[in-house]
């Protein structure tokens, strides 16, 4: 695995997972899940998304970007949960708080995330922190090229990934979700939370 890549299985206990899901229900009530589309061709994503934090990552026909409001409701995103912020401090050691908590909802056999890298931020020295909740999934991690080889890792509910150092700009994605492997979410499925620092911290 690239330098700076860490997998922490069972970082969240079953009780902590249930508490976080309940918190996310409140976030989704304020900022409903929506299905973004690809830039240019307008093809819908296979996952639904929402955000928490000062900035949210969005995608539409005009491109990828961060913005302070929900694209459907026009309201500000809810705050990032305190427990997730504490995990950021503990696991990344980065001196500034994350500004975006992207929340992806995977439901159905076709839900996946193609190989990509998080490159819409102003800073890349801050790690990306990722939380898995619900159904298990196959995470693929590559390198600096989208066409390069990848390694597969199965992520179970409660697992946390840290992508820092060399792995910060590595291509990665979700190639398969194993439906029915968890009962954590009502109606099944998988939630993924990705914490990112977007702007340069002030000196």
Protein backbone atom coordinates (compact mmCIF):
# COMPACT_ATOMS: atom_id res chain seq x y z
CA UNK A 1 0.00 0.00 0.00
CA UNK A 2 1.21 3.58 -0.62
CA UNK A 3 2.89 5.52 2.15
CA UNK A 4 0.38 7.28 4.38
CA UNK A 5 -2.45 4.80 3.79
CA UNK A 6 -3.96 3.24 6.91
CA UNK A 7 -6.87 0.90 7.52
CA UNK A 8 -8.34 0.85 11.03
CA UNK A 9 -10.90 -1.98 11.30
CA UNK A 10 -13.57 -1.71 14.02
CA UNK A 11 -12.56 1.87 14.86
CA UNK A 12 -16.24 2.51 15.56
CA UNK A 13 -17.89 0.08 17.96
CA UNK A 14 -21.37 -1.23 17.11
CA UNK A 15 -22.86 1.24 19.60
CA UNK A 16 -20.86 4.13 18.11
CA UNK A 17 -21.99 3.12 14.63
CA UNK A 18 -25.64 3.15 15.68
CA UNK A 19 -25.23 6.55 17.35
CA UNK A 20 -23.56 7.98 14.26
CA UNK A 21 -26.31 6.67 11.97
CA UNK A 22 -28.89 8.36 14.20
CA UNK A 23 -26.93 11.62 13.94
CA UNK A 24 -26.80 11.24 10.16
CA UNK A 25 -30.58 10.87 10.05
CA UNK A 26 -30.80 14.33 11.56
CA UNK A 27 -28.33 15.70 9.01
CA UNK A 28 -30.30 14.15 6.15
CA UNK A 29 -33.50 15.72 7.49
CA UNK A 30 -31.85 19.16 7.16
CA UNK A 31 -29.90 18.41 3.98
CA UNK A 32 -31.73 15.65 2.07
CA UNK A 33 -29.87 13.09 0.00
CA UNK A 34 -29.97 13.89 -3.71
CA UNK A 35 -28.57 12.23 -6.82
CA UNK A 36 -25.92 14.39 -8.52
CA UNK A 37 -25.08 14.13 -12.22
CA UNK A 38 -21.82 13.93 -14.12
CA UNK A 39 -20.38 17.09 -15.66
CA UNK A 40 -21.08 17.48 -19.34
CA UNK A 41 -23.30 14.50 -20.14
CA UNK A 42 -25.57 14.81 -17.10
CA UNK A 43 -25.53 11.07 -16.38
CA UNK A 44 -26.81 10.43 -12.82
CA UNK A 45 -24.47 9.02 -10.20
CA UNK A 46 -25.31 5.55 -8.93
CA UNK A 47 -25.05 6.86 -5.35
CA UNK A 48 -26.96 9.55 -3.51
CA UNK A 49 -25.09 12.31 -1.67
CA UNK A 50 -25.35 15.01 0.93
CA UNK A 51 -22.81 16.97 2.99
CA UNK A 52 -22.08 18.44 6.39
CA UNK A 53 -19.69 21.26 7.22
CA UNK A 54 -18.99 24.78 5.96
CA UNK A 55 -18.49 23.46 2.43
CA UNK A 56 -20.11 20.64 0.49
CA UNK A 57 -18.82 18.80 -2.58
CA UNK A 58 -21.28 18.85 -5.48
CA UNK A 59 -21.35 17.74 -9.09
CA UNK A 60 -23.57 18.92 -11.95
CA UNK A 61 -23.34 19.55 -15.69
CA UNK A 62 -21.06 22.54 -15.09
CA UNK A 63 -18.44 20.57 -13.14
CA UNK A 64 -17.19 19.49 -9.72
CA UNK A 65 -16.89 22.08 -6.97
CA UNK A 66 -17.37 22.96 -3.33
CA UNK A 67 -20.15 25.30 -2.23
CA UNK A 68 -21.68 26.43 1.05
CA UNK A 69 -25.30 25.54 0.24
CA UNK A 70 -27.34 22.48 -0.71
CA UNK A 71 -27.95 22.51 -4.48
CA UNK A 72 -31.63 21.57 -4.13
CA UNK A 73 -32.76 23.48 -1.04
CA UNK A 74 -30.35 26.43 -1.15
CA UNK A 75 -29.78 26.17 2.61
CA UNK A 76 -26.45 25.92 4.43
CA UNK A 77 -25.10 22.45 5.15
CA UNK A 78 -25.48 21.14 8.73
CA UNK A 79 -22.47 21.05 11.04
CA UNK A 80 -20.03 18.14 11.04
CA UNK A 81 -20.77 15.88 14.06
CA UNK A 82 -18.50 16.51 17.03
CA UNK A 83 -17.46 12.86 17.28
CA UNK A 84 -16.27 12.86 13.68
CA UNK A 85 -14.27 16.04 14.27
CA UNK A 86 -12.64 14.38 17.30
CA UNK A 87 -11.67 11.40 15.14
CA UNK A 88 -10.10 13.78 12.60
CA UNK A 89 -7.94 15.31 15.34
CA UNK A 90 -6.96 11.91 16.69
CA UNK A 91 -6.19 10.16 13.42
CA UNK A 92 -4.78 12.87 11.15
CA UNK A 93 -2.90 15.24 13.45
CA UNK A 94 -3.65 17.99 10.94
CA UNK A 95 -3.59 21.45 12.57
CA UNK A 96 -6.83 22.68 10.95
CA UNK A 97 -10.35 21.28 11.01
CA UNK A 98 -11.99 19.58 8.03
CA UNK A 99 -14.40 21.76 6.07
CA UNK A 100 -16.36 19.09 4.22
CA UNK A 101 -17.96 15.84 5.30
CA UNK A 102 -19.24 14.24 2.10
CA UNK A 103 -21.84 11.56 2.81
CA UNK A 104 -22.47 8.94 0.11
CA UNK A 105 -25.39 6.50 0.26
CA UNK A 106 -24.99 3.23 -1.67
CA UNK A 107 -28.19 1.28 -2.27
CA UNK A 108 -28.87 -1.39 -4.87
CA UNK A 109 -26.59 -3.70 -6.83
CA UNK A 110 -25.47 -0.99 -9.26
CA UNK A 111 -24.31 1.50 -6.61
CA UNK A 112 -20.56 2.03 -6.86
CA UNK A 113 -17.91 4.72 -7.22
CA UNK A 114 -15.51 4.64 -10.16
CA UNK A 115 -11.79 5.21 -9.78
CA UNK A 116 -11.13 8.85 -8.96
CA UNK A 117 -8.95 11.00 -6.77
CA UNK A 118 -9.92 13.89 -4.53
CA UNK A 119 -8.38 16.78 -6.43
CA UNK A 120 -10.85 19.68 -6.13
CA UNK A 121 -9.29 21.05 -2.94
CA UNK A 122 -6.76 23.86 -2.49
CA UNK A 123 -4.56 21.82 -0.16
CA UNK A 124 -3.28 18.25 -0.44
CA UNK A 125 -1.11 17.97 2.67
CA UNK A 126 -4.22 17.25 4.75
CA UNK A 127 -5.19 13.56 4.76
CA UNK A 128 -8.60 12.34 3.67
CA UNK A 129 -10.46 10.46 6.41
CA UNK A 130 -13.14 7.95 5.41
CA UNK A 131 -15.73 6.10 7.54
CA UNK A 132 -17.69 3.01 6.43
CA UNK A 133 -21.13 2.21 7.83
CA UNK A 134 -23.52 -0.57 6.88
CA UNK A 135 -22.96 -3.13 4.14
CA UNK A 136 -19.43 -4.34 3.40
CA UNK A 137 -17.80 -3.17 0.17
CA UNK A 138 -14.77 -3.74 -2.04
CA UNK A 139 -12.48 -0.71 -1.97
CA UNK A 140 -9.92 -0.47 -4.75
CA UNK A 141 -6.74 1.56 -4.30
CA UNK A 142 -4.45 2.39 -7.19
CA UNK A 143 -1.64 4.85 -7.73
CA UNK A 144 -0.97 8.06 -9.59
CA UNK A 145 -2.53 6.81 -12.85
CA UNK A 146 -6.15 5.86 -13.39
CA UNK A 147 -5.01 3.01 -15.66
CA UNK A 148 -2.50 1.57 -13.21
CA UNK A 149 -2.98 -1.61 -11.17
CA UNK A 150 -5.20 -1.56 -8.10
CA UNK A 151 -5.37 -3.51 -4.87
CA UNK A 152 -8.67 -4.65 -3.38
CA UNK A 153 -9.60 -4.34 0.29
CA UNK A 154 -12.92 -5.35 1.86
CA UNK A 155 -14.29 -2.63 4.11
CA UNK A 156 -16.69 -3.61 6.86
CA UNK A 157 -18.95 -1.40 8.95
CA UNK A 158 -17.00 0.62 11.51
CA UNK A 159 -13.76 0.69 9.48
CA UNK A 160 -11.87 3.95 9.01
CA UNK A 161 -9.39 4.75 6.23
CA UNK A 162 -6.69 7.40 6.37
CA UNK A 163 -5.32 8.54 3.01
CA UNK A 164 -2.35 10.80 3.59
CA UNK A 165 1.17 11.19 2.27
CA UNK A 166 1.71 9.40 -1.04
CA UNK A 167 -1.77 7.88 -0.93
CA UNK A 168 -3.49 11.27 -0.73
CA UNK A 169 -3.59 11.61 -4.52
CA UNK A 170 -3.97 7.91 -5.32
CA UNK A 171 -6.88 6.79 -7.49
CA UNK A 172 -9.47 4.85 -5.52
CA UNK A 173 -13.09 3.72 -5.70
CA UNK A 174 -15.78 1.28 -4.63
CA UNK A 175 -16.30 -1.54 -7.13
CA UNK A 176 -18.90 -3.61 -5.27
CA UNK A 177 -21.22 -3.39 -2.29
CA UNK A 178 -22.29 -6.65 -0.66
CA UNK A 179 -25.99 -6.12 -0.04
CA UNK A 180 -27.42 -7.67 3.10
CA UNK A 181 -24.14 -7.96 5.01
CA UNK A 182 -25.29 -5.45 7.64
CA UNK A 183 -28.53 -4.53 9.36
CA UNK A 184 -27.26 -1.16 10.56
CA UNK A 185 -29.24 0.95 8.08
CA UNK A 186 -33.01 0.84 7.75
CA UNK A 187 -33.64 -0.56 4.30
CA UNK A 188 -30.05 -1.76 3.99
CA UNK A 189 -27.18 -0.17 2.09
CA UNK A 190 -23.89 1.49 2.87
CA UNK A 191 -22.95 4.96 4.07
CA UNK A 192 -19.52 6.44 3.49
CA UNK A 193 -18.37 9.63 5.18
CA UNK A 194 -15.34 11.41 3.73
CA UNK A 195 -13.72 14.26 5.64
CA UNK A 196 -11.63 16.78 3.69
CA UNK A 197 -9.84 20.03 4.30
CA UNK A 198 -10.67 22.24 1.31
CA UNK A 199 -8.98 25.63 1.76
CA UNK A 200 -5.54 26.65 2.97
CA UNK A 201 -5.45 27.22 6.74
CA UNK A 202 -4.82 30.80 7.75
CA UNK A 203 -1.29 31.44 9.11
